[in-house]
């Protein structure tokens, strides 16, 4: 890596998608040419993310590739970017899924230029969340990510897109209000937005007054404000009700990014911000978090199993799987940062975000493929498609198995780590979560059986249902990475372990 690239790689990574979006509006042509350009533009941050991974010094650990300069001196905010073993896998996931989503967007016919630009702008916003170490910057990127996703749902979504987009916006903006107030309180009390400095000073602050109230009370409110923002974004039961509607109405590419990346912002907030800044508060609320996580795992699986619409089934599965992230957080908070079980649970939670991103994005892509060819997502209208589309059937079976946590695939490793790490602290919650895995298998097998097996309806006997080369190209890296994590998890756990020990 050249000296210039090593010093500015994070800025190049952060802004190259937005630059590509801007160039889209200057580029002549329509349709295929614009889609090809947008996909090519997405390969630049993907290549930079790969270079970031390869250039990271695991032996040294900690934050690397730091870029820091004064940005808003009047309020003490800085342009402060850095990456470590927790953020780099999510950066790579974001870049990879954006490229895959752009391949899946080939079927978009209306306002193509704006659609592609919004996907690239969304990529920059999410990368900003994962790379910012100034909390004001973190919040601004957090909020800005809502804008392109809102328009993706509102303008290119299904029949109920207006209500779904508004619900998404209101829930996530309402949750973010507490995050904004918490960030402001920290700046006033500690004198900085610098997350690395706050981790050292904020937990120890307990004396004095702030806003006319005892500082300890303000810290408690700040904790709940941040926890609510991250819980809504994750989403944690019972704050999840915006998710099924948003997923169901979003276009395929939007659903891929929403499930694969945006939900991970909530998990990242728990791991990067809430646990380090509020160790005492998270320790006190760990039993509640564990209970809500177990409820999300069990009830999310039951809700998915009850769905007749395939896309809603996959949407509820995200509630189920992201519950394991919160269970890992709860276990770490309860047992303390130095415990071996805590470290195992936290690494499992971080890995779960990566593996779920792969499988969830893949499932939504496959649902989109099916809908493009049949114009239906209802399981009762399908069946017996394996005979007409064996390649699609094989890819769907693989991805569904990765989602349910089949040994040898990525989901198994991450969920097993969380269960083993959380059991000493919360055996009852882990027992409930393990029971929820039964229903996870039930809804996955329901989807496979309803789509691929049984009698082939007459209407599909002459239909062209097989997955195309473009969609296969989008699915291939997701499947390869899921298999790589399942068979040899050390390559990614070594990276995560530099940040979470």
Protein backbone atom coordinates (compact mmCIF):
# COMPACT_ATOMS: atom_id res chain seq x y z
CA UNK A 1 0.00 0.00 0.00
CA UNK A 2 1.46 3.40 -0.98
CA UNK A 3 2.03 6.08 1.63
CA UNK A 4 -0.69 8.31 0.15
CA UNK A 5 -3.19 5.49 0.10
CA UNK A 6 -2.40 4.42 3.66
CA UNK A 7 -2.86 7.99 4.90
CA UNK A 8 -6.10 8.71 3.03
CA UNK A 9 -7.67 5.32 2.42
CA UNK A 10 -10.57 5.93 4.79
CA UNK A 11 -11.54 9.23 3.16
CA UNK A 12 -11.27 7.66 -0.28
CA UNK A 13 -13.37 4.74 0.90
CA UNK A 14 -15.95 6.99 2.54
CA UNK A 15 -16.53 9.45 -0.28
CA UNK A 16 -15.90 7.41 -3.44
CA UNK A 17 -19.49 6.05 -3.54
CA UNK A 18 -20.94 9.54 -3.16
CA UNK A 19 -18.60 10.78 -5.90
CA UNK A 20 -19.81 7.97 -8.15
CA UNK A 21 -23.39 9.04 -7.41
CA UNK A 22 -22.58 12.59 -8.44
CA UNK A 23 -20.95 11.45 -11.67
CA UNK A 24 -24.07 9.47 -12.53
CA UNK A 25 -25.94 12.75 -13.05
CA UNK A 26 -23.26 13.99 -15.45
CA UNK A 27 -23.07 10.78 -17.44
CA UNK A 28 -25.02 10.63 -20.71
CA UNK A 29 -26.95 7.54 -21.63
CA UNK A 30 -29.69 5.49 -20.05
CA UNK A 31 -30.51 2.07 -18.68
CA UNK A 32 -27.76 -0.47 -19.03
CA UNK A 33 -24.98 2.08 -19.40
CA UNK A 34 -25.90 3.80 -16.12
CA UNK A 35 -26.20 0.48 -14.31
CA UNK A 36 -22.83 -0.65 -15.60
CA UNK A 37 -21.23 2.62 -14.48
CA UNK A 38 -22.81 2.43 -11.01
CA UNK A 39 -21.63 -1.15 -10.57
CA UNK A 40 -18.12 -0.21 -11.71
CA UNK A 41 -18.15 2.72 -9.28
CA UNK A 42 -19.12 0.36 -6.43
CA UNK A 43 -16.06 -1.78 -7.13
CA UNK A 44 -13.79 1.09 -6.07
CA UNK A 45 -14.87 1.11 -2.40
CA UNK A 46 -14.97 -2.68 -2.50
CA UNK A 47 -11.33 -2.74 -3.61
CA UNK A 48 -10.42 -0.15 -0.98
CA UNK A 49 -12.21 -2.21 1.70
CA UNK A 50 -10.18 -5.26 0.66
CA UNK A 51 -6.98 -3.17 0.81
CA UNK A 52 -8.00 -1.95 4.27
CA UNK A 53 -8.39 -5.54 5.44
CA UNK A 54 -5.06 -6.64 3.98
CA UNK A 55 -3.23 -3.56 5.25
CA UNK A 56 -4.48 -3.79 8.83
CA UNK A 57 -1.76 -4.79 11.30
CA UNK A 58 -3.42 -7.44 13.45
CA UNK A 59 -0.42 -7.79 15.73
CA UNK A 60 -0.63 -4.11 16.69
CA UNK A 61 -4.44 -4.09 16.91
CA UNK A 62 -6.36 -1.00 17.92
CA UNK A 63 -7.46 1.85 15.67
CA UNK A 64 -5.39 2.26 12.52
CA UNK A 65 -5.37 4.41 9.35
CA UNK A 66 -6.43 7.38 11.48
CA UNK A 67 -7.37 10.65 9.77
CA UNK A 68 -7.96 13.55 12.10
CA UNK A 69 -8.37 17.27 11.58
CA UNK A 70 -10.42 20.14 12.93
CA UNK A 71 -13.87 20.22 11.33
CA UNK A 72 -16.27 22.33 13.42
CA UNK A 73 -14.10 24.11 16.02
CA UNK A 74 -17.00 26.14 17.43
CA UNK A 75 -18.48 23.00 18.98
CA UNK A 76 -15.27 20.99 19.28
CA UNK A 77 -16.12 18.48 16.55
CA UNK A 78 -13.39 16.85 14.47
CA UNK A 79 -13.14 14.99 11.20
CA UNK A 80 -11.94 11.80 12.88
CA UNK A 81 -11.88 8.50 11.02
CA UNK A 82 -10.25 5.21 12.03
CA UNK A 83 -10.78 1.49 11.57
CA UNK A 84 -10.19 -1.57 13.72
CA UNK A 85 -11.06 -5.25 13.84
CA UNK A 86 -14.70 -4.55 14.68
CA UNK A 87 -15.38 -2.02 11.94
CA UNK A 88 -13.35 -3.47 9.07
CA UNK A 89 -15.53 -6.60 8.56
CA UNK A 90 -18.62 -4.36 8.48
CA UNK A 91 -16.95 -2.01 6.02
CA UNK A 92 -16.17 -4.97 3.76
CA UNK A 93 -19.73 -6.27 4.15
CA UNK A 94 -21.18 -2.85 3.23
CA UNK A 95 -19.06 -2.54 0.10
CA UNK A 96 -19.74 -6.13 -0.99
CA UNK A 97 -23.51 -5.94 -0.48
CA UNK A 98 -23.74 -2.61 -2.29
CA UNK A 99 -22.11 -4.15 -5.37
CA UNK A 100 -24.43 -7.17 -5.10
CA UNK A 101 -27.46 -4.90 -4.71
CA UNK A 102 -26.49 -2.94 -7.81
CA UNK A 103 -26.36 -6.19 -9.76
CA UNK A 104 -29.80 -7.05 -8.40
CA UNK A 105 -31.07 -3.61 -9.47
CA UNK A 106 -30.79 -4.45 -13.16
CA UNK A 107 -34.56 -4.92 -13.27
CA UNK A 108 -35.28 -1.28 -12.29
CA UNK A 109 -36.89 0.57 -15.20
CA UNK A 110 -38.07 3.92 -13.81
CA UNK A 111 -35.87 6.81 -12.66
CA UNK A 112 -32.84 4.57 -12.98
CA UNK A 113 -30.28 7.32 -12.48
CA UNK A 114 -31.78 8.46 -9.17
CA UNK A 115 -32.21 4.89 -7.92
CA UNK A 116 -28.56 4.01 -8.53
CA UNK A 117 -27.35 7.30 -7.05
CA UNK A 118 -29.35 6.75 -3.88
CA UNK A 119 -27.81 3.31 -3.39
CA UNK A 120 -24.30 4.76 -3.69
CA UNK A 121 -25.11 7.69 -1.38
CA UNK A 122 -26.51 5.21 1.14
CA UNK A 123 -23.23 3.30 0.99
CA UNK A 124 -21.26 6.42 1.90
CA UNK A 125 -23.61 7.18 4.80
CA UNK A 126 -23.30 3.69 6.27
CA UNK A 127 -19.53 3.66 5.86
CA UNK A 128 -19.45 6.95 7.74
CA UNK A 129 -21.15 5.29 10.72
CA UNK A 130 -18.62 2.46 10.80
CA UNK A 131 -15.57 4.70 10.39
CA UNK A 132 -16.37 7.79 12.52
CA UNK A 133 -14.79 8.18 15.94
CA UNK A 134 -16.21 11.65 16.51
CA UNK A 135 -19.68 11.16 17.99
CA UNK A 136 -21.15 14.17 16.21
CA UNK A 137 -19.95 12.79 12.87
CA UNK A 138 -21.25 9.37 13.89
CA UNK A 139 -24.69 10.85 14.58
CA UNK A 140 -24.81 12.85 11.35
CA UNK A 141 -23.98 9.81 9.22
CA UNK A 142 -26.42 7.75 11.30
CA UNK A 143 -29.24 10.18 10.53
CA UNK A 144 -28.28 10.80 6.91
CA UNK A 145 -28.54 7.09 6.13
CA UNK A 146 -32.30 7.38 6.68
CA UNK A 147 -32.75 9.74 3.74
CA UNK A 148 -31.74 7.54 0.78
CA UNK A 149 -33.44 4.47 2.27
CA UNK A 150 -36.66 6.43 2.79
CA UNK A 151 -36.73 7.46 -0.87
CA UNK A 152 -35.80 3.98 -2.08
CA UNK A 153 -38.87 2.61 -0.30
CA UNK A 154 -41.14 5.57 -1.05
CA UNK A 155 -40.42 5.85 -4.78
CA UNK A 156 -39.64 2.29 -5.87
CA UNK A 157 -41.50 0.19 -3.31
CA UNK A 158 -44.66 -1.90 -3.49
CA UNK A 159 -48.31 -0.97 -3.22
CA UNK A 160 -48.11 0.13 0.43
CA UNK A 161 -44.79 1.90 0.03
CA UNK A 162 -45.96 5.30 1.33
CA UNK A 163 -47.07 3.94 4.70
CA UNK A 164 -44.02 1.67 5.00
CA UNK A 165 -41.57 4.48 4.18
CA UNK A 166 -43.24 6.85 6.66
CA UNK A 167 -43.24 4.20 9.39
CA UNK A 168 -39.56 3.50 8.77
CA UNK A 169 -38.75 7.21 8.99
CA UNK A 170 -40.80 7.92 12.11
CA UNK A 171 -39.52 4.93 14.06
CA UNK A 172 -35.87 5.44 13.25
CA UNK A 173 -35.91 9.23 13.63
CA UNK A 174 -37.83 8.93 16.90
CA UNK A 175 -35.27 6.48 18.20
CA UNK A 176 -32.42 8.73 17.11
CA UNK A 177 -33.67 11.67 19.18
CA UNK A 178 -32.33 10.05 22.33
CA UNK A 179 -28.99 9.46 20.60
CA UNK A 180 -28.71 13.16 19.72
CA UNK A 181 -29.49 14.30 23.26
CA UNK A 182 -27.03 11.80 24.71
CA UNK A 183 -24.23 12.97 22.40
CA UNK A 184 -24.88 16.59 23.36
CA UNK A 185 -24.86 15.76 27.08
CA UNK A 186 -21.53 13.98 26.73
CA UNK A 187 -19.99 16.95 24.93
CA UNK A 188 -21.11 19.36 27.64
CA UNK A 189 -20.06 17.14 30.54
CA UNK A 190 -16.79 15.75 29.16
CA UNK A 191 -15.82 18.54 26.75
CA UNK A 192 -15.34 16.36 23.68
CA UNK A 193 -17.04 14.32 20.98
CA UNK A 194 -13.97 12.09 20.66
CA UNK A 195 -15.17 8.53 21.30
CA UNK A 196 -11.70 7.30 22.31
CA UNK A 197 -11.39 10.07 24.92
CA UNK A 198 -14.96 9.58 26.12
CA UNK A 199 -14.34 5.87 26.72
CA UNK A 200 -11.59 6.89 29.15
CA UNK A 201 -13.41 9.72 30.93
CA UNK A 202 -17.18 9.34 30.66
CA UNK A 203 -17.70 6.13 32.72
CA UNK A 204 -15.84 7.67 35.67
CA UNK A 205 -17.87 10.90 35.74
CA UNK A 206 -20.43 10.80 38.54
CA UNK A 207 -20.19 14.01 40.57
CA UNK A 208 -21.70 17.39 39.85
CA UNK A 209 -24.77 18.77 38.13
CA UNK A 210 -25.79 18.96 34.47
CA UNK A 211 -28.90 20.69 33.11
CA UNK A 212 -29.96 21.32 36.71
CA UNK A 213 -29.96 17.61 37.57
CA UNK A 214 -27.41 15.28 39.18
CA UNK A 215 -24.90 14.04 36.62
CA UNK A 216 -25.64 10.42 37.53
CA UNK A 217 -29.30 10.93 36.57
CA UNK A 218 -28.32 12.58 33.28
CA UNK A 219 -26.01 9.66 32.52
CA UNK A 220 -28.89 7.27 33.12
CA UNK A 221 -31.10 9.18 30.69
CA UNK A 222 -28.27 9.31 28.13
CA UNK A 223 -27.87 5.55 28.41
CA UNK A 224 -31.56 4.90 27.78
CA UNK A 225 -31.58 7.37 24.90
CA UNK A 226 -28.71 5.62 23.16
CA UNK A 227 -30.05 2.15 23.97
CA UNK A 228 -33.42 3.05 22.44
CA UNK A 229 -31.80 4.34 19.24
CA UNK A 230 -29.74 1.19 18.78
CA UNK A 231 -32.62 -1.11 19.76
CA UNK A 232 -34.94 0.43 17.16
CA UNK A 233 -32.34 0.22 14.42
CA UNK A 234 -31.33 -3.37 15.24
CA UNK A 235 -34.39 -3.93 15.63
CA UNK A 236 -34.90 -5.52 19.05
CA UNK A 237 -38.30 -6.86 20.04
CA UNK A 238 -40.69 -5.07 20.74
CA UNK A 239 -39.24 -2.15 18.72
CA UNK A 240 -39.26 -4.19 15.51
CA UNK A 241 -42.69 -3.46 14.06
CA UNK A 242 -41.41 -1.08 11.38
CA UNK A 243 -39.18 -3.75 9.88
CA UNK A 244 -41.59 -6.22 8.19
CA UNK A 245 -43.46 -3.42 6.41
CA UNK A 246 -40.27 -1.71 5.26
CA UNK A 247 -38.83 -4.98 3.95
CA UNK A 248 -42.03 -6.08 2.27
CA UNK A 249 -42.49 -2.83 0.36
CA UNK A 250 -38.84 -2.03 -0.39
CA UNK A 251 -37.36 -2.91 -3.79
CA UNK A 252 -35.06 -5.93 -3.83
CA UNK A 253 -31.84 -3.90 -3.68
CA UNK A 254 -33.24 -1.81 -0.83
CA UNK A 255 -34.20 -4.89 1.17
CA UNK A 256 -30.72 -6.33 0.67
CA UNK A 257 -29.04 -3.22 2.08
CA UNK A 258 -31.63 -2.76 4.83
CA UNK A 259 -31.24 -6.32 6.16
CA UNK A 260 -27.58 -6.80 5.32
CA UNK A 261 -26.17 -3.47 6.49
CA UNK A 262 -28.55 -0.96 8.09
CA UNK A 263 -29.64 -3.30 10.87
CA UNK A 264 -25.96 -3.83 11.68
CA UNK A 265 -25.68 -0.16 12.56
CA UNK A 266 -27.75 -0.91 15.66
CA UNK A 267 -25.56 -3.84 16.65
CA UNK A 268 -22.44 -1.79 15.99
CA UNK A 269 -23.82 0.95 18.23
CA UNK A 270 -24.26 -1.53 21.08
CA UNK A 271 -20.73 -2.89 20.67
CA UNK A 272 -18.81 0.27 19.78
CA UNK A 273 -20.62 2.94 21.82
CA UNK A 274 -23.00 1.66 24.49
CA UNK A 275 -20.88 -1.05 26.14
CA UNK A 276 -17.65 0.99 26.43
CA UNK A 277 -19.35 4.23 27.53
CA UNK A 278 -21.91 2.76 29.93
CA UNK A 279 -20.40 -0.36 31.55
CA UNK A 280 -22.29 0.07 34.84
CA UNK A 281 -25.63 0.86 33.20
CA UNK A 282 -25.39 -2.05 30.77
CA UNK A 283 -24.45 -4.37 33.64
CA UNK A 284 -27.59 -3.34 35.54
CA UNK A 285 -29.84 -3.77 32.50
CA UNK A 286 -28.16 -6.95 31.21
CA UNK A 287 -30.96 -9.24 32.48
CA UNK A 288 -33.54 -7.11 30.66
CA UNK A 289 -31.46 -7.15 27.47
CA UNK A 290 -31.08 -10.93 27.72
CA UNK A 291 -34.83 -11.37 28.19
CA UNK A 292 -35.63 -9.14 25.21
CA UNK A 293 -33.03 -10.94 23.11
CA UNK A 294 -34.54 -14.32 23.94
CA UNK A 295 -38.00 -12.96 23.11
CA UNK A 296 -36.72 -11.66 19.78
CA UNK A 297 -35.19 -15.04 18.92
CA UNK A 298 -38.28 -17.06 19.81
CA UNK A 299 -41.04 -14.68 18.72
CA UNK A 300 -39.18 -13.62 15.56
CA UNK A 301 -38.91 -17.28 14.53
CA UNK A 302 -42.58 -17.95 15.33
CA UNK A 303 -43.69 -14.86 13.40
CA UNK A 304 -41.58 -15.91 10.40
CA UNK A 305 -43.07 -19.42 10.50
CA UNK A 306 -46.60 -17.95 10.47
CA UNK A 307 -46.12 -15.89 7.30
CA UNK A 308 -47.71 -16.73 3.97
CA UNK A 309 -45.75 -14.00 2.15
CA UNK A 310 -42.18 -15.14 1.50
CA UNK A 311 -40.70 -11.67 1.85
CA UNK A 312 -42.35 -11.10 5.23
CA UNK A 313 -41.06 -14.50 6.32
CA UNK A 314 -37.50 -13.44 5.53
CA UNK A 315 -38.09 -10.05 7.18
CA UNK A 316 -39.16 -11.59 10.49
CA UNK A 317 -36.16 -13.91 10.33
CA UNK A 318 -33.94 -10.84 10.82
CA UNK A 319 -35.61 -10.14 14.16
CA UNK A 320 -34.83 -13.71 15.12
CA UNK A 321 -31.17 -13.65 14.09
CA UNK A 322 -30.31 -10.17 15.37
CA UNK A 323 -31.54 -11.24 18.81
CA UNK A 324 -28.30 -13.23 19.11
CA UNK A 325 -26.32 -9.99 18.80
CA UNK A 326 -28.14 -8.50 21.80
CA UNK A 327 -27.80 -11.74 23.76
CA UNK A 328 -24.03 -11.53 23.25
CA UNK A 329 -24.02 -7.90 24.40
CA UNK A 330 -26.05 -8.79 27.51
CA UNK A 331 -23.69 -11.63 28.40
CA UNK A 332 -20.63 -9.41 28.07
CA UNK A 333 -22.22 -6.67 30.13
CA UNK A 334 -23.23 -9.05 32.91
CA UNK A 335 -19.92 -10.85 33.27
CA UNK A 336 -17.54 -7.94 32.72
CA UNK A 337 -15.16 -7.11 29.94
CA UNK A 338 -12.38 -9.35 31.23
CA UNK A 339 -14.29 -12.63 31.39
CA UNK A 340 -13.49 -15.36 28.86
CA UNK A 341 -17.18 -16.04 28.35
CA UNK A 342 -17.83 -12.34 27.78
CA UNK A 343 -15.20 -12.19 25.07
CA UNK A 344 -16.57 -15.30 23.39
CA UNK A 345 -20.11 -13.88 23.43
CA UNK A 346 -18.98 -10.51 22.07
CA UNK A 347 -16.94 -12.04 19.26
CA UNK A 348 -19.92 -14.22 18.41
CA UNK A 349 -22.17 -11.16 18.32
CA UNK A 350 -19.77 -9.32 16.01
CA UNK A 351 -19.49 -12.38 13.76
CA UNK A 352 -23.28 -12.80 13.76
CA UNK A 353 -23.64 -9.35 12.21
CA UNK A 354 -21.35 -10.38 9.36
CA UNK A 355 -22.84 -13.82 8.73
CA UNK A 356 -26.42 -12.62 8.98
CA UNK A 357 -25.63 -9.83 6.52
CA UNK A 358 -24.54 -12.42 3.97
CA UNK A 359 -27.49 -14.78 4.38
CA UNK A 360 -30.22 -12.14 4.78
CA UNK A 361 -29.11 -10.16 1.74
CA UNK A 362 -28.90 -13.39 -0.24
CA UNK A 363 -32.40 -14.46 0.78
CA UNK A 364 -33.89 -11.12 -0.21
CA UNK A 365 -32.09 -11.26 -3.56
CA UNK A 366 -33.57 -14.71 -4.20
CA UNK A 367 -37.05 -13.55 -3.20
CA UNK A 368 -36.63 -10.73 -5.72
CA UNK A 369 -35.55 -13.17 -8.42
CA UNK A 370 -38.63 -15.28 -7.77
CA UNK A 371 -40.96 -12.28 -7.77
CA UNK A 372 -39.57 -10.93 -11.05
CA UNK A 373 -40.41 -14.22 -12.74
CA UNK A 374 -43.73 -15.12 -11.07
CA UNK A 375 -45.12 -11.78 -9.82
CA UNK A 376 -46.08 -13.46 -6.55
CA UNK A 377 -44.49 -14.04 -3.16
CA UNK A 378 -47.26 -16.15 -1.65
CA UNK A 379 -46.15 -19.66 -0.77
CA UNK A 380 -49.55 -21.09 -1.68
CA UNK A 381 -49.02 -19.96 -5.29
CA UNK A 382 -45.67 -21.70 -5.57
CA UNK A 383 -44.32 -25.23 -5.22
CA UNK A 384 -42.43 -27.78 -7.26
CA UNK A 385 -40.07 -25.20 -8.76
CA UNK A 386 -36.96 -27.33 -8.30
CA UNK A 387 -37.85 -29.22 -11.47
CA UNK A 388 -38.09 -25.98 -13.47
CA UNK A 389 -35.20 -24.10 -11.83
CA UNK A 390 -32.63 -26.49 -10.32
CA UNK A 391 -29.84 -23.89 -10.08
CA UNK A 392 -32.14 -21.47 -8.30
CA UNK A 393 -33.29 -24.30 -6.06
CA UNK A 394 -29.76 -25.24 -5.13
CA UNK A 395 -28.78 -21.65 -4.34
CA UNK A 396 -31.95 -21.10 -2.30
CA UNK A 397 -31.37 -24.29 -0.30
CA UNK A 398 -27.76 -23.32 0.44
CA UNK A 399 -28.70 -19.80 1.53
CA UNK A 400 -31.61 -20.97 3.68
CA UNK A 401 -29.32 -23.49 5.37
CA UNK A 402 -26.80 -20.74 6.04
CA UNK A 403 -29.58 -18.66 7.55
CA UNK A 404 -30.82 -21.39 9.89
CA UNK A 405 -27.27 -22.12 11.10
CA UNK A 406 -26.37 -25.43 9.48
CA UNK A 407 -22.96 -26.69 10.70
CA UNK A 408 -20.31 -25.92 8.10
CA UNK A 409 -21.83 -22.52 7.27
CA UNK A 410 -21.26 -19.14 8.87
CA UNK A 411 -24.44 -18.78 10.91
CA UNK A 412 -23.66 -21.89 12.93
CA UNK A 413 -20.31 -20.56 14.14
CA UNK A 414 -21.58 -17.16 15.26
CA UNK A 415 -24.72 -18.41 17.03
CA UNK A 416 -22.81 -21.22 18.76
CA UNK A 417 -20.27 -18.70 20.09
CA UNK A 418 -23.03 -16.51 21.49
CA UNK A 419 -24.80 -19.45 23.11
CA UNK A 420 -21.61 -20.80 24.71
CA UNK A 421 -20.52 -17.36 25.87
CA UNK A 422 -23.92 -16.35 27.25
CA UNK A 423 -24.82 -19.59 29.03
CA UNK A 424 -22.83 -18.96 32.25
CA UNK A 425 -24.56 -15.60 32.72
CA UNK A 426 -28.07 -16.31 31.44
CA UNK A 427 -28.82 -20.03 31.24
CA UNK A 428 -32.61 -19.50 31.04
CA UNK A 429 -32.34 -16.99 28.19
CA UNK A 430 -29.93 -19.29 26.35
CA UNK A 431 -32.32 -22.20 26.88
CA UNK A 432 -35.15 -20.17 25.36
CA UNK A 433 -32.91 -19.09 22.48
CA UNK A 434 -31.86 -22.69 21.83
CA UNK A 435 -35.54 -23.63 21.73
CA UNK A 436 -36.10 -20.81 19.27
CA UNK A 437 -33.60 -22.46 16.95
CA UNK A 438 -36.13 -25.25 16.46
CA UNK A 439 -38.59 -22.75 15.01
CA UNK A 440 -35.79 -21.19 12.97
CA UNK A 441 -35.38 -24.54 11.25
CA UNK A 442 -39.16 -24.81 10.89
CA UNK A 443 -39.59 -21.55 8.99
CA UNK A 444 -36.55 -22.19 6.81
CA UNK A 445 -37.84 -25.63 5.84
CA UNK A 446 -41.31 -24.19 5.31
CA UNK A 447 -39.88 -21.73 2.78
CA UNK A 448 -37.83 -24.38 0.98
CA UNK A 449 -40.70 -26.86 0.88
CA UNK A 450 -43.27 -24.29 -0.18
CA UNK A 451 -41.17 -23.02 -3.06
CA UNK A 452 -39.25 -26.01 -4.37
CA UNK A 453 -41.18 -29.17 -3.50
CA UNK A 454 -44.62 -30.57 -4.03
CA UNK A 455 -46.72 -30.41 -7.19
CA UNK A 456 -45.77 -27.83 -9.80
CA UNK A 457 -48.75 -25.51 -10.46
CA UNK A 458 -49.98 -25.57 -14.03
CA UNK A 459 -49.24 -21.87 -14.51
CA UNK A 460 -45.47 -22.43 -14.05
CA UNK A 461 -44.99 -25.43 -16.34
CA UNK A 462 -43.91 -23.35 -19.32
CA UNK A 463 -42.54 -20.33 -17.43
CA UNK A 464 -38.87 -19.29 -17.49
CA UNK A 465 -38.02 -19.46 -13.81
CA UNK A 466 -34.28 -20.18 -13.67
CA UNK A 467 -31.94 -17.71 -12.04
CA UNK A 468 -29.82 -15.70 -14.47
CA UNK A 469 -26.08 -15.19 -14.71
CA UNK A 470 -26.31 -11.69 -13.24
CA UNK A 471 -28.06 -12.90 -10.10
CA UNK A 472 -25.70 -15.87 -9.81
CA UNK A 473 -22.75 -13.45 -9.92
CA UNK A 474 -24.33 -11.42 -7.10
CA UNK A 475 -24.93 -14.54 -4.99
CA UNK A 476 -21.56 -16.22 -5.55
CA UNK A 477 -19.41 -14.11 -3.17
CA UNK A 478 -22.07 -14.25 -0.45
CA UNK A 479 -22.16 -18.03 -0.62
CA UNK A 480 -18.38 -18.37 -0.77
CA UNK A 481 -17.89 -16.16 2.29
CA UNK A 482 -20.57 -17.98 4.26
CA UNK A 483 -18.88 -21.29 3.49
CA UNK A 484 -15.45 -19.84 4.31
CA UNK A 485 -16.65 -18.65 7.74
CA UNK A 486 -18.31 -22.00 8.42
CA UNK A 487 -15.30 -24.12 7.50
CA UNK A 488 -12.49 -21.84 8.65
CA UNK A 489 -13.75 -19.05 10.94
CA UNK A 490 -10.24 -18.13 12.04
CA UNK A 491 -9.69 -15.80 9.08
CA UNK A 492 -12.39 -13.39 10.29
CA UNK A 493 -12.29 -14.13 14.03
CA UNK A 494 -8.61 -13.22 13.97
CA UNK A 495 -9.61 -9.77 12.71
CA UNK A 496 -12.49 -9.37 15.19
CA UNK A 497 -10.28 -10.60 18.00
CA UNK A 498 -7.92 -7.64 17.57
CA UNK A 499 -10.77 -5.43 18.83
CA UNK A 500 -12.64 -7.85 21.13
CA UNK A 501 -10.56 -10.15 23.30
